[in-house]
Amino acid sequence: MKIAITRLAGKEKTDAARCASSGYSCYSVHPLRSELRKDEIASFVEEAGRGNFDAIFFTSALPAKIIAPLLRKFPRIIAIGPQTAKELEKCAIPCEVLPGFYSRDFVPYLGEWIRGKRIGIPRADVPNPVLMDAITRAGGIPREFRCYRLIPTGEPLLLDDADAILFTSAMSFTRAVWAPRPGLLVMAIGEITAGAMRQKGMSPDIVGDGSLEGTLRALADYTERGKRREPHER
């Protein structure tokens, strides 16, 4: 099975190996591109250098890749998943990794420690009021830096060779130019992406746990269930 995976250009480097380890092949399609906001990045790095954060929360791999080489002083560092953590580890920055793959896991993970703490969050220019409100309600002080923009490419996704498409974020679905077709499995990497799809009237065939590996496991389960049904359908 060949899977088309929505990625920012250049961010798909490990996808092929990770899919191959589960018995699938893949290629990338690009509904979005990134545009760095250099002034905002410089502001974040300056604030970190002054020790103005008690913790930094990297919500995806791209801001970690951009900012990690620029940090000279860093407080408690939390990454949202292993791919984000790998970008930090390349710069010898120790970090903790959330047990889940959603930003909503951040506040429960920190627990009472968060009270009164200043949390630096370098991220995309996409609102996340749920995270901001959760930190504030828990007594933390969120400081969000929108270090890059996500811009729709407007290019139709090339899906003729795909058996399945995996949308890796809500925005990658809502801003994609594509057309469903019979036989094409539609997958959401997690519940937030699936929710955005349902709001647009599309029910995904497969929903992952927020990670590529978890989505591939869900795909394998889906395929196995289909095989078990086949003898009864004949």
Protein backbone atom coordinates (compact mmCIF):
# COMPACT_ATOMS: atom_id res chain seq x y z
CA MET A 1 0.00 0.00 0.00
CA LYS A 2 1.25 3.47 -0.93
CA ILE A 3 0.35 6.38 1.36
CA ALA A 4 0.39 10.07 0.44
CA ILE A 5 1.36 12.03 3.59
CA THR A 6 0.76 15.75 3.96
CA ARG A 7 4.02 17.43 4.99
CA LEU A 8 5.79 20.74 4.75
CA ALA A 9 8.44 20.44 2.05
CA GLY A 10 11.63 19.08 3.60
CA LYS A 11 9.92 17.71 6.72
CA GLU A 12 9.32 14.22 5.38
CA LYS A 13 12.86 12.91 5.78
CA THR A 14 12.12 9.92 8.04
CA ASP A 15 8.67 9.06 6.70
CA ALA A 16 9.83 6.50 4.14
CA ALA A 17 11.84 4.47 6.67
CA ARG A 18 9.11 4.66 9.30
CA CYS A 19 6.46 3.50 6.83
CA ALA A 20 8.71 0.76 5.44
CA SER A 21 9.21 -0.64 8.94
CA SER A 22 5.45 -1.24 9.04
CA GLY A 23 5.29 -2.69 5.53
CA TYR A 24 4.08 0.40 3.63
CA SER A 25 5.53 2.84 1.13
CA CYS A 26 4.83 6.57 1.07
CA TYR A 27 5.46 9.88 -0.59
CA SER A 28 4.82 13.48 0.44
CA VAL A 29 2.22 15.95 -0.77
CA HIS A 30 2.35 19.62 0.18
CA PRO A 31 -0.87 21.52 0.89
CA LEU A 32 1.07 24.04 3.00
CA ARG A 33 4.43 25.78 3.01
CA SER A 34 6.19 27.59 5.83
CA GLU A 35 7.44 31.18 5.94
CA LEU A 36 9.77 32.11 8.78
CA ARG A 37 9.21 35.25 10.83
CA LYS A 38 12.80 36.17 11.63
CA ASP A 39 12.01 39.05 13.97
CA GLU A 40 9.80 36.82 16.11
CA ILE A 41 12.46 34.08 16.18
CA ALA A 42 15.11 36.62 17.25
CA SER A 43 12.79 37.95 19.97
CA PHE A 44 12.20 34.47 21.34
CA VAL A 45 15.92 33.61 21.38
CA GLU A 46 16.72 36.90 23.12
CA GLU A 47 14.09 36.28 25.81
CA ALA A 48 15.39 32.74 26.35
CA GLY A 49 18.95 34.05 26.61
CA ARG A 50 17.87 36.45 29.35
CA GLY A 51 16.42 33.58 31.35
CA ASN A 52 12.86 34.87 31.00
CA PHE A 53 11.31 31.42 30.65
CA ASP A 54 10.96 28.73 33.30
CA ALA A 55 10.08 26.22 30.60
CA ILE A 56 9.93 26.04 26.81
CA PHE A 57 7.31 23.92 25.07
CA PHE A 58 8.11 22.84 21.51
CA THR A 59 4.79 21.86 19.93
CA SER A 60 6.26 20.49 16.70
CA ALA A 61 9.56 19.60 15.09
CA LEU A 62 9.91 22.68 12.86
CA PRO A 63 10.31 25.31 15.62
CA ALA A 64 12.70 22.95 17.40
CA LYS A 65 14.80 22.66 14.25
CA ILE A 66 14.80 26.43 13.73
CA ILE A 67 15.46 27.53 17.29
CA ALA A 68 17.55 24.79 18.92
CA PRO A 69 20.82 25.82 17.16
CA LEU A 70 20.31 29.40 18.39
CA LEU A 71 19.78 28.67 22.08
CA ARG A 72 22.71 29.27 24.43
CA LYS A 73 20.75 29.12 27.67
CA PHE A 74 17.70 26.99 28.21
CA PRO A 75 15.39 26.10 31.07
CA ARG A 76 13.18 23.02 31.37
CA ILE A 77 12.46 21.85 27.82
CA ILE A 78 9.38 19.82 26.86
CA ALA A 79 8.85 18.31 23.39
CA ILE A 80 5.54 17.08 22.05
CA GLY A 81 6.89 13.85 20.53
CA PRO A 82 9.99 11.86 19.63
CA GLN A 83 10.55 13.57 16.27
CA THR A 84 10.56 16.97 17.95
CA ALA A 85 12.87 15.62 20.64
CA LYS A 86 15.31 14.38 17.98
CA GLU A 87 15.68 17.91 16.60
CA LEU A 88 16.61 19.13 20.09
CA GLU A 89 18.97 16.22 20.70
CA LYS A 90 20.89 17.13 17.53
CA CYS A 91 21.94 20.28 19.39
CA ALA A 92 22.65 18.41 22.63
CA ILE A 93 19.65 20.00 24.33
CA PRO A 94 18.16 17.68 26.96
CA CYS A 95 14.39 17.54 26.90
CA GLU A 96 11.39 15.76 28.31
CA VAL A 97 8.87 14.19 25.95
CA LEU A 98 5.14 14.30 26.57
CA PRO A 99 3.56 10.87 27.00
CA GLY A 100 0.88 11.81 24.43
CA PHE A 101 0.93 13.57 21.06
CA TYR A 102 -1.42 16.48 21.77
CA SER A 103 -0.72 19.91 23.24
CA ARG A 104 -3.63 19.31 25.63
CA ASP A 105 -1.35 16.81 27.42
CA PHE A 106 1.08 19.60 28.40
CA VAL A 107 -0.63 21.03 31.48
CA PRO A 108 -1.56 17.65 33.03
CA TYR A 109 2.04 16.52 32.47
CA LEU A 110 3.50 19.46 34.42
CA GLY A 111 0.86 19.32 37.16
CA GLU A 112 1.32 21.69 40.09
CA TRP A 113 4.82 22.66 38.94
CA ILE A 114 3.34 24.98 36.32
CA ARG A 115 1.88 27.40 38.86
CA GLY A 116 3.60 30.78 38.56
CA LYS A 117 5.94 29.54 35.80
CA ARG A 118 6.65 31.45 32.60
CA ILE A 119 6.16 29.14 29.60
CA GLY A 120 7.76 30.08 26.28
CA ILE A 121 6.02 28.57 23.26
CA PRO A 122 7.58 29.06 19.80
CA ARG A 123 5.07 27.87 17.23
CA ALA A 124 3.22 28.45 13.98
CA ASP A 125 0.98 31.45 13.41
CA VAL A 126 -2.08 29.32 14.12
CA PRO A 127 -4.21 30.07 17.20
CA ASN A 128 -4.29 27.50 19.99
CA PRO A 129 -6.61 29.07 22.58
CA VAL A 130 -7.20 25.71 24.28
CA LEU A 131 -3.52 25.44 25.23
CA MET A 132 -3.23 29.09 26.25
CA ASP A 133 -6.37 28.92 28.42
CA ALA A 134 -5.30 25.65 30.04
CA ILE A 135 -1.92 27.08 31.05
CA THR A 136 -3.52 30.23 32.45
CA ARG A 137 -6.18 28.31 34.40
CA ALA A 138 -3.44 26.17 35.94
CA GLY A 139 -1.64 29.29 37.16
CA GLY A 140 1.04 29.38 34.48
CA ILE A 141 2.05 32.38 32.38
CA PRO A 142 2.08 31.50 28.67
CA ARG A 143 4.21 33.53 26.28
CA GLU A 144 3.52 32.59 22.70
CA PHE A 145 5.89 33.48 19.85
CA ARG A 146 4.51 32.88 16.37
CA CYS A 147 7.79 32.11 14.64
CA TYR A 148 6.50 31.01 11.26
CA ARG A 149 3.44 31.17 9.07
CA LEU A 150 1.72 28.29 7.32
CA ILE A 151 0.62 29.31 3.85
CA PRO A 152 -1.57 27.20 1.54
CA THR A 153 0.30 26.23 -1.62
CA GLY A 154 -2.93 26.08 -3.63
CA GLU A 155 -1.48 23.14 -5.56
CA PRO A 156 -3.70 20.10 -6.15
CA LEU A 157 -2.43 17.08 -4.24
CA LEU A 158 -1.08 14.37 -6.54
CA LEU A 159 -2.96 11.27 -5.46
CA ASP A 160 -3.22 9.14 -8.61
CA ASP A 161 -0.60 6.70 -7.30
CA ALA A 162 -1.88 6.67 -3.71
CA ASP A 163 -3.94 3.98 -2.03
CA ALA A 164 -4.42 6.20 1.03
CA ILE A 165 -3.93 9.80 2.10
CA LEU A 166 -2.85 10.76 5.60
CA PHE A 167 -3.65 14.27 6.80
CA THR A 168 -1.16 15.21 9.50
CA SER A 169 -2.92 18.30 10.85
CA ALA A 170 -6.30 19.99 10.78
CA MET A 171 -4.97 22.83 8.61
CA SER A 172 -3.37 20.43 6.13
CA PHE A 173 -6.88 19.08 5.54
CA THR A 174 -8.91 22.28 5.58
CA ARG A 175 -6.55 24.10 3.18
CA ALA A 176 -5.75 21.18 0.87
CA VAL A 177 -6.82 21.11 -2.77
CA TRP A 178 -7.82 17.53 -3.55
CA ALA A 179 -10.71 15.30 -4.53
CA PRO A 180 -11.80 12.05 -2.81
CA ARG A 181 -12.21 9.04 -5.06
CA PRO A 182 -13.52 5.49 -4.63
CA GLY A 183 -10.93 3.19 -3.10
CA LEU A 184 -8.82 5.96 -1.60
CA LEU A 185 -8.52 5.50 2.17
CA VAL A 186 -8.69 8.80 4.05
CA MET A 187 -6.74 8.91 7.31
CA ALA A 188 -6.40 11.47 10.11
CA ILE A 189 -3.27 11.42 12.24
CA GLY A 190 -5.31 12.12 15.37
CA GLU A 191 -8.61 13.22 16.83
CA ILE A 192 -8.09 16.95 16.30
CA THR A 193 -7.51 16.42 12.58
CA ALA A 194 -10.42 13.98 12.45
CA GLY A 195 -12.65 16.57 14.11
CA ALA A 196 -11.79 19.14 11.46
CA MET A 197 -12.63 16.58 8.79
CA ARG A 198 -15.99 15.74 10.34
CA GLN A 199 -16.86 19.44 10.56
CA LYS A 200 -16.46 19.53 6.77
CA GLY A 201 -18.74 16.51 6.36
CA MET A 202 -16.03 13.88 5.86
CA SER A 203 -15.65 10.89 8.15
CA PRO A 204 -12.09 9.51 8.06
CA ASP A 205 -11.65 5.79 7.50
CA ILE A 206 -8.81 5.64 10.03
CA VAL A 207 -7.86 7.84 12.98
CA GLY A 208 -4.43 7.58 14.61
CA ASP A 209 -3.20 8.52 18.07
CA GLY A 210 -1.45 11.71 16.94
CA SER A 211 1.68 9.97 15.62
CA LEU A 212 2.66 8.42 12.30
CA GLU A 213 3.45 5.10 13.96
CA GLY A 214 0.10 5.05 15.76
CA THR A 215 -1.72 5.79 12.51
CA LEU A 216 0.11 2.97 10.73
CA ARG A 217 -0.92 0.60 13.53
CA ALA A 218 -4.52 1.73 13.12
CA LEU A 219 -4.22 1.14 9.36
CA ALA A 220 -2.91 -2.38 9.96
CA ASP A 221 -5.85 -3.08 12.31
CA TYR A 222 -8.29 -1.70 9.74
CA THR A 223 -6.80 -3.91 7.03
CA GLU A 224 -6.88 -6.98 9.26
CA ARG A 225 -10.53 -6.39 10.14
CA GLY A 226 -11.32 -6.18 6.44
CA LYS A 227 -9.59 -9.50 5.80
CA ARG A 228 -11.56 -11.17 8.57
CA ARG A 229 -14.83 -9.92 7.08
CA GLU A 230 -14.10 -11.08 3.54
CA PRO A 231 -15.00 -14.80 3.95
CA HIS A 232 -18.45 -13.84 5.29
CA GLU A 233 -19.09 -11.42 2.45
CA ARG A 234 -18.55 -13.97 -0.32
